[in-house]
Amino acid sequence: MNWTIIIIVGILAVSLLVFLIIRNQKDEAEFEKKQNNDYPKPKDEKDDSEIDEL
């Protein structure tokens, strides 16, 4: 009887661990995508250099 409980708890623990790893990878990918899109695009440096030369 004790082995049955230990096996069930072990399977549940491994399942939770796999679920958390998969969820973390998905959240990390979404976070990276959000950070890349939130970054302001740099201005065109060609326009800035013309002003500095005058």
Protein backbone atom coordinates (compact mmCIF):
# COMPACT_ATOMS: atom_id res chain seq x y z
CA MET A 1 0.00 0.00 0.00
CA ASN A 2 2.82 2.43 0.79
CA TRP A 3 4.44 1.81 -2.61
CA THR A 4 1.20 2.74 -4.38
CA ILE A 5 1.06 6.11 -2.64
CA ILE A 6 4.75 6.79 -3.28
CA ILE A 7 4.38 5.97 -6.99
CA ILE A 8 1.28 8.18 -7.36
CA VAL A 9 2.97 11.11 -5.58
CA GLY A 10 6.11 10.62 -7.70
CA ILE A 11 4.12 10.66 -10.94
CA LEU A 12 2.28 13.80 -9.84
CA ALA A 13 5.56 15.51 -8.90
CA VAL A 14 7.16 14.69 -12.26
CA SER A 15 4.02 15.85 -14.09
CA LEU A 16 4.06 19.16 -12.21
CA LEU A 17 7.75 19.64 -12.97
CA VAL A 18 7.23 19.01 -16.71
CA PHE A 19 4.25 21.37 -16.76
CA LEU A 20 6.23 24.15 -15.05
CA ILE A 21 9.20 23.77 -17.41
CA ILE A 22 6.98 23.96 -20.51
CA ARG A 23 5.05 26.94 -19.13
CA ASN A 24 8.27 28.76 -18.24
CA GLN A 25 9.65 28.36 -21.77
CA LYS A 26 6.42 29.68 -23.26
CA ASP A 27 6.37 32.68 -20.90
CA GLU A 28 10.03 33.42 -21.61
CA ALA A 29 9.38 33.47 -25.36
CA GLU A 30 6.41 35.84 -24.91
CA PHE A 31 8.46 38.10 -22.63
CA GLU A 32 11.32 38.25 -25.13
CA LYS A 33 8.93 39.11 -27.95
CA LYS A 34 7.34 41.85 -25.85
CA GLN A 35 10.71 43.32 -24.89
CA ASN A 36 11.88 43.35 -28.51
CA ASN A 37 8.74 45.14 -29.65
CA ASP A 38 8.75 47.69 -26.80
CA TYR A 39 12.26 48.89 -27.50
CA PRO A 40 12.14 52.27 -29.29
CA LYS A 41 13.67 52.23 -32.73
CA PRO A 42 16.80 54.39 -33.05
CA LYS A 43 16.51 57.50 -35.17
CA ASP A 44 18.22 57.60 -38.52
CA GLU A 45 21.80 58.65 -37.82
CA LYS A 46 22.23 60.09 -41.32
CA ASP A 47 19.94 63.01 -40.50
CA ASP A 48 21.80 63.69 -37.26
CA SER A 49 25.23 63.69 -38.89
CA GLU A 50 24.21 66.33 -41.45
CA ILE A 51 23.26 68.73 -38.68
CA ASP A 52 26.56 68.15 -36.85
CA GLU A 53 28.63 68.89 -39.99
CA LEU A 54 27.20 72.35 -40.43
